[in-house]
Amino acid sequence: MGVIYLLSAGSAAHKAGPRIVVEKNSEILGRLPIRLIDGVVVSRNAQLST
């Protein structure tokens, strides 16, 4: 299990089916299965959609 850290400006995460998609400046950095994620840490310049 792991934690996603969205710390840099322009980073974002959203749900797409059974995965969380992590992006920065509209470039996809990764797709992670939701079942593997324990938490998300978001800084003030990052975004997390519901």
PDB file of N, CA and C in Angstrom:
ATOM      1  N   MET A   1       0.843  -1.182   0.000  1.00  0.00           N
ATOM      2  CA  MET A   1       0.000   0.000   0.000  1.00  0.00           C
ATOM      3  C   MET A   1       0.888   1.246   0.000  1.00  0.00           C
ATOM      4  N   GLY A   2       0.354   2.355  -0.515  1.00  0.00           N
ATOM      5  CA  GLY A   2       1.183   3.534  -0.631  1.00  0.00           C
ATOM      6  C   GLY A   2       0.407   4.831  -0.521  1.00  0.00           C
ATOM      7  N   VAL A   3       1.152   5.896  -0.599  1.00  0.00           N
ATOM      8  CA  VAL A   3       0.607   7.253  -0.508  1.00  0.00           C
ATOM      9  C   VAL A   3       1.023   8.024  -1.752  1.00  0.00           C
ATOM     10  N   ILE A   4       0.105   8.790  -2.324  1.00  0.00           N
ATOM     11  CA  ILE A   4       0.407   9.665  -3.459  1.00  0.00           C
ATOM     12  C   ILE A   4       0.690  11.052  -2.892  1.00  0.00           C
ATOM     13  N   TYR A   5       1.787  11.653  -3.307  1.00  0.00           N
ATOM     14  CA  TYR A   5       2.145  13.007  -2.894  1.00  0.00           C
ATOM     15  C   TYR A   5       2.042  13.931  -4.108  1.00  0.00           C
ATOM     16  N   LEU A   6       1.156  14.926  -4.030  1.00  0.00           N
ATOM     17  CA  LEU A   6       1.021  15.946  -5.076  1.00  0.00           C
ATOM     18  C   LEU A   6       1.604  17.227  -4.501  1.00  0.00           C
ATOM     19  N   LEU A   7       2.872  17.457  -4.748  1.00  0.00           N
ATOM     20  CA  LEU A   7       3.568  18.550  -4.088  1.00  0.00           C
ATOM     21  C   LEU A   7       3.957  19.695  -5.014  1.00  0.00           C
ATOM     22  N   SER A   8       4.057  19.459  -6.306  1.00  0.00           N
ATOM     23  CA  SER A   8       4.527  20.521  -7.196  1.00  0.00           C
ATOM     24  C   SER A   8       3.361  21.221  -7.898  1.00  0.00           C
ATOM     25  N   ALA A   9       3.582  22.474  -8.244  1.00  0.00           N
ATOM     26  CA  ALA A   9       2.570  23.268  -8.947  1.00  0.00           C
ATOM     27  C   ALA A   9       2.241  22.609 -10.281  1.00  0.00           C
ATOM     28  N   GLY A  10       0.959  22.559 -10.607  1.00  0.00           N
ATOM     29  CA  GLY A  10       0.525  21.962 -11.861  1.00  0.00           C
ATOM     30  C   GLY A  10       0.243  20.477 -11.773  1.00  0.00           C
ATOM     31  N   SER A  11       0.518  19.860 -10.625  1.00  0.00           N
ATOM     32  CA  SER A  11       0.225  18.435 -10.493  1.00  0.00           C
ATOM     33  C   SER A  11      -1.244  18.251 -10.116  1.00  0.00           C
ATOM     34  N   ALA A  12      -1.804  17.133 -10.567  1.00  0.00           N
ATOM     35  CA  ALA A  12      -3.222  16.858 -10.327  1.00  0.00           C
ATOM     36  C   ALA A  12      -3.454  15.357 -10.325  1.00  0.00           C
ATOM     37  N   ALA A  13      -4.545  14.942  -9.682  1.00  0.00           N
ATOM     38  CA  ALA A  13      -4.940  13.539  -9.691  1.00  0.00           C
ATOM     39  C   ALA A  13      -6.447  13.462  -9.816  1.00  0.00           C
ATOM     40  N   HIS A  14      -6.915  12.440 -10.547  1.00  0.00           N
ATOM     41  CA  HIS A  14      -8.353  12.211 -10.670  1.00  0.00           C
ATOM     42  C   HIS A  14      -8.612  10.723 -10.846  1.00  0.00           C
ATOM     43  N   LYS A  15      -9.851  10.339 -10.595  1.00  0.00           N
ATOM     44  CA  LYS A  15     -10.254   8.939 -10.720  1.00  0.00           C
ATOM     45  C   LYS A  15     -10.667   8.657 -12.152  1.00  0.00           C
ATOM     46  N   ALA A  16     -10.204   7.553 -12.693  1.00  0.00           N
ATOM     47  CA  ALA A  16     -10.592   7.094 -14.025  1.00  0.00           C
ATOM     48  C   ALA A  16     -10.847   5.592 -13.926  1.00  0.00           C
ATOM     49  N   GLY A  17     -12.103   5.231 -13.750  1.00  0.00           N
ATOM     50  CA  GLY A  17     -12.433   3.826 -13.546  1.00  0.00           C
ATOM     51  C   GLY A  17     -11.857   3.341 -12.235  1.00  0.00           C
ATOM     52  N   PRO A  18     -11.177   2.184 -12.238  1.00  0.00           N
ATOM     53  CA  PRO A  18     -10.619   1.646 -10.986  1.00  0.00           C
ATOM     54  C   PRO A  18      -9.213   2.172 -10.677  1.00  0.00           C
ATOM     55  N   ARG A  19      -8.817   3.263 -11.311  1.00  0.00           N
ATOM     56  CA  ARG A  19      -7.456   3.789 -11.139  1.00  0.00           C
ATOM     57  C   ARG A  19      -7.463   5.276 -10.798  1.00  0.00           C
ATOM     58  N   ILE A  20      -6.377   5.724 -10.187  1.00  0.00           N
ATOM     59  CA  ILE A  20      -6.100   7.140  -9.976  1.00  0.00           C
ATOM     60  C   ILE A  20      -5.063   7.539 -11.018  1.00  0.00           C
ATOM     61  N   VAL A  21      -5.365   8.595 -11.766  1.00  0.00           N
ATOM     62  CA  VAL A  21      -4.447   9.096 -12.788  1.00  0.00           C
ATOM     63  C   VAL A  21      -3.746  10.327 -12.226  1.00  0.00           C
ATOM     64  N   VAL A  22      -2.414  10.322 -12.262  1.00  0.00           N
ATOM     65  CA  VAL A  22      -1.616  11.445 -11.780  1.00  0.00           C
ATOM     66  C   VAL A  22      -1.040  12.169 -12.993  1.00  0.00           C
ATOM     67  N   GLU A  23      -1.252  13.501 -13.027  1.00  0.00           N
ATOM     68  CA  GLU A  23      -0.796  14.313 -14.153  1.00  0.00           C
ATOM     69  C   GLU A  23      -0.015  15.522 -13.651  1.00  0.00           C
ATOM     70  N   LYS A  24       0.807  16.060 -14.554  1.00  0.00           N
ATOM     71  CA  LYS A  24       1.464  17.344 -14.294  1.00  0.00           C
ATOM     72  C   LYS A  24       1.492  18.104 -15.609  1.00  0.00           C
ATOM     73  N   ASN A  25       0.880  19.280 -15.605  1.00  0.00           N
ATOM     74  CA  ASN A  25       0.778  20.111 -16.807  1.00  0.00           C
ATOM     75  C   ASN A  25       0.205  19.318 -17.981  1.00  0.00           C
ATOM     76  N   SER A  26      -0.864  18.586 -17.732  1.00  0.00           N
ATOM     77  CA  SER A  26      -1.608  17.783 -18.719  1.00  0.00           C
ATOM     78  C   SER A  26      -0.834  16.583 -19.262  1.00  0.00           C
ATOM     79  N   GLU A  27       0.307  16.243 -18.682  1.00  0.00           N
ATOM     80  CA  GLU A  27       1.073  15.058 -19.074  1.00  0.00           C
ATOM     81  C   GLU A  27       0.842  13.969 -18.027  1.00  0.00           C
ATOM     82  N   ILE A  28       0.400  12.816 -18.458  1.00  0.00           N
ATOM     83  CA  ILE A  28       0.127  11.724 -17.531  1.00  0.00           C
ATOM     84  C   ILE A  28       1.445  11.135 -17.022  1.00  0.00           C
ATOM     85  N   LEU A  29       1.584  11.140 -15.703  1.00  0.00           N
ATOM     86  CA  LEU A  29       2.793  10.599 -15.070  1.00  0.00           C
ATOM     87  C   LEU A  29       2.603   9.159 -14.624  1.00  0.00           C
ATOM     88  N   GLY A  30       1.349   8.791 -14.322  1.00  0.00           N
ATOM     89  CA  GLY A  30       1.112   7.418 -13.885  1.00  0.00           C
ATOM     90  C   GLY A  30      -0.349   7.126 -13.675  1.00  0.00           C
ATOM     91  N   ARG A  31      -0.667   5.840 -13.709  1.00  0.00           N
ATOM     92  CA  ARG A  31      -2.006   5.331 -13.414  1.00  0.00           C
ATOM     93  C   ARG A  31      -1.839   4.251 -12.352  1.00  0.00           C
ATOM     94  N   LEU A  32      -2.494   4.438 -11.217  1.00  0.00           N
ATOM     95  CA  LEU A  32      -2.324   3.518 -10.099  1.00  0.00           C
ATOM     96  C   LEU A  32      -3.659   2.920  -9.688  1.00  0.00           C
ATOM     97  N   PRO A  33      -3.712   1.615  -9.431  1.00  0.00           N
ATOM     98  CA  PRO A  33      -4.957   1.007  -8.950  1.00  0.00           C
ATOM     99  C   PRO A  33      -5.356   1.590  -7.595  1.00  0.00           C
ATOM    100  N   ILE A  34      -6.623   1.931  -7.459  1.00  0.00           N
ATOM    101  CA  ILE A  34      -7.112   2.537  -6.215  1.00  0.00           C
ATOM    102  C   ILE A  34      -6.869   1.621  -5.020  1.00  0.00           C
ATOM    103  N   ARG A  35      -6.973   0.322  -5.213  1.00  0.00           N
ATOM    104  CA  ARG A  35      -6.814  -0.621  -4.100  1.00  0.00           C
ATOM    105  C   ARG A  35      -5.414  -0.588  -3.488  1.00  0.00           C
ATOM    106  N   LEU A  36      -4.444  -0.023  -4.190  1.00  0.00           N
ATOM    107  CA  LEU A  36      -3.077   0.051  -3.681  1.00  0.00           C
ATOM    108  C   LEU A  36      -2.781   1.357  -2.946  1.00  0.00           C
ATOM    109  N   ILE A  37      -3.742   2.284  -2.900  1.00  0.00           N
ATOM    110  CA  ILE A  37      -3.503   3.615  -2.336  1.00  0.00           C
ATOM    111  C   ILE A  37      -4.161   3.733  -0.962  1.00  0.00           C
ATOM    112  N   ASP A  38      -3.349   4.132   0.015  1.00  0.00           N
ATOM    113  CA  ASP A  38      -3.850   4.345   1.375  1.00  0.00           C
ATOM    114  C   ASP A  38      -4.202   5.801   1.637  1.00  0.00           C
ATOM    115  N   GLY A  39      -3.556   6.728   0.930  1.00  0.00           N
ATOM    116  CA  GLY A  39      -3.801   8.143   1.187  1.00  0.00           C
ATOM    117  C   GLY A  39      -3.223   9.023   0.102  1.00  0.00           C
ATOM    118  N   VAL A  40      -3.620  10.299   0.159  1.00  0.00           N
ATOM    119  CA  VAL A  40      -3.134  11.295  -0.791  1.00  0.00           C
ATOM    120  C   VAL A  40      -2.761  12.550  -0.006  1.00  0.00           C
ATOM    121  N   VAL A  41      -1.572  13.091  -0.256  1.00  0.00           N
ATOM    122  CA  VAL A  41      -1.117  14.334   0.347  1.00  0.00           C
ATOM    123  C   VAL A  41      -1.094  15.387  -0.763  1.00  0.00           C
ATOM    124  N   VAL A  42      -1.792  16.508  -0.542  1.00  0.00           N
ATOM    125  CA  VAL A  42      -1.916  17.546  -1.572  1.00  0.00           C
ATOM    126  C   VAL A  42      -1.383  18.864  -1.031  1.00  0.00           C
ATOM    127  N   SER A  43      -0.435  19.472  -1.762  1.00  0.00           N
ATOM    128  CA  SER A  43       0.071  20.787  -1.358  1.00  0.00           C
ATOM    129  C   SER A  43      -0.848  21.875  -1.903  1.00  0.00           C
ATOM    130  N   ARG A  44      -0.543  23.111  -1.593  1.00  0.00           N
ATOM    131  CA  ARG A  44      -1.443  24.212  -1.958  1.00  0.00           C
ATOM    132  C   ARG A  44      -1.503  24.508  -3.449  1.00  0.00           C
ATOM    133  N   ASN A  45      -0.537  24.090  -4.238  1.00  0.00           N
ATOM    134  CA  ASN A  45      -0.547  24.376  -5.669  1.00  0.00           C
ATOM    135  C   ASN A  45      -0.933  23.184  -6.532  1.00  0.00           C
ATOM    136  N   ALA A  46      -1.404  22.117  -5.906  1.00  0.00           N
ATOM    137  CA  ALA A  46      -1.797  20.909  -6.625  1.00  0.00           C
ATOM    138  C   ALA A  46      -3.316  20.767  -6.565  1.00  0.00           C
ATOM    139  N   GLN A  47      -3.849  19.862  -7.381  1.00  0.00           N
ATOM    140  CA  GLN A  47      -5.299  19.656  -7.428  1.00  0.00           C
ATOM    141  C   GLN A  47      -5.642  18.189  -7.290  1.00  0.00           C
ATOM    142  N   LEU A  48      -6.786  17.932  -6.664  1.00  0.00           N
ATOM    143  CA  LEU A  48      -7.324  16.593  -6.520  1.00  0.00           C
ATOM    144  C   LEU A  48      -8.815  16.684  -6.769  1.00  0.00           C
ATOM    145  N   SER A  49      -9.301  16.026  -7.806  1.00  0.00           N
ATOM    146  CA  SER A  49     -10.744  16.052  -8.072  1.00  0.00           C
ATOM    147  C   SER A  49     -11.421  14.890  -7.347  1.00  0.00           C
ATOM    148  N   THR A  50     -12.708  15.033  -7.121  1.00  0.00           N
ATOM    149  CA  THR A  50     -13.458  13.995  -6.416  1.00  0.00           C
ATOM    150  C   THR A  50     -14.098  13.012  -7.359  1.00  0.00           C
TER     151      THR A  50
END
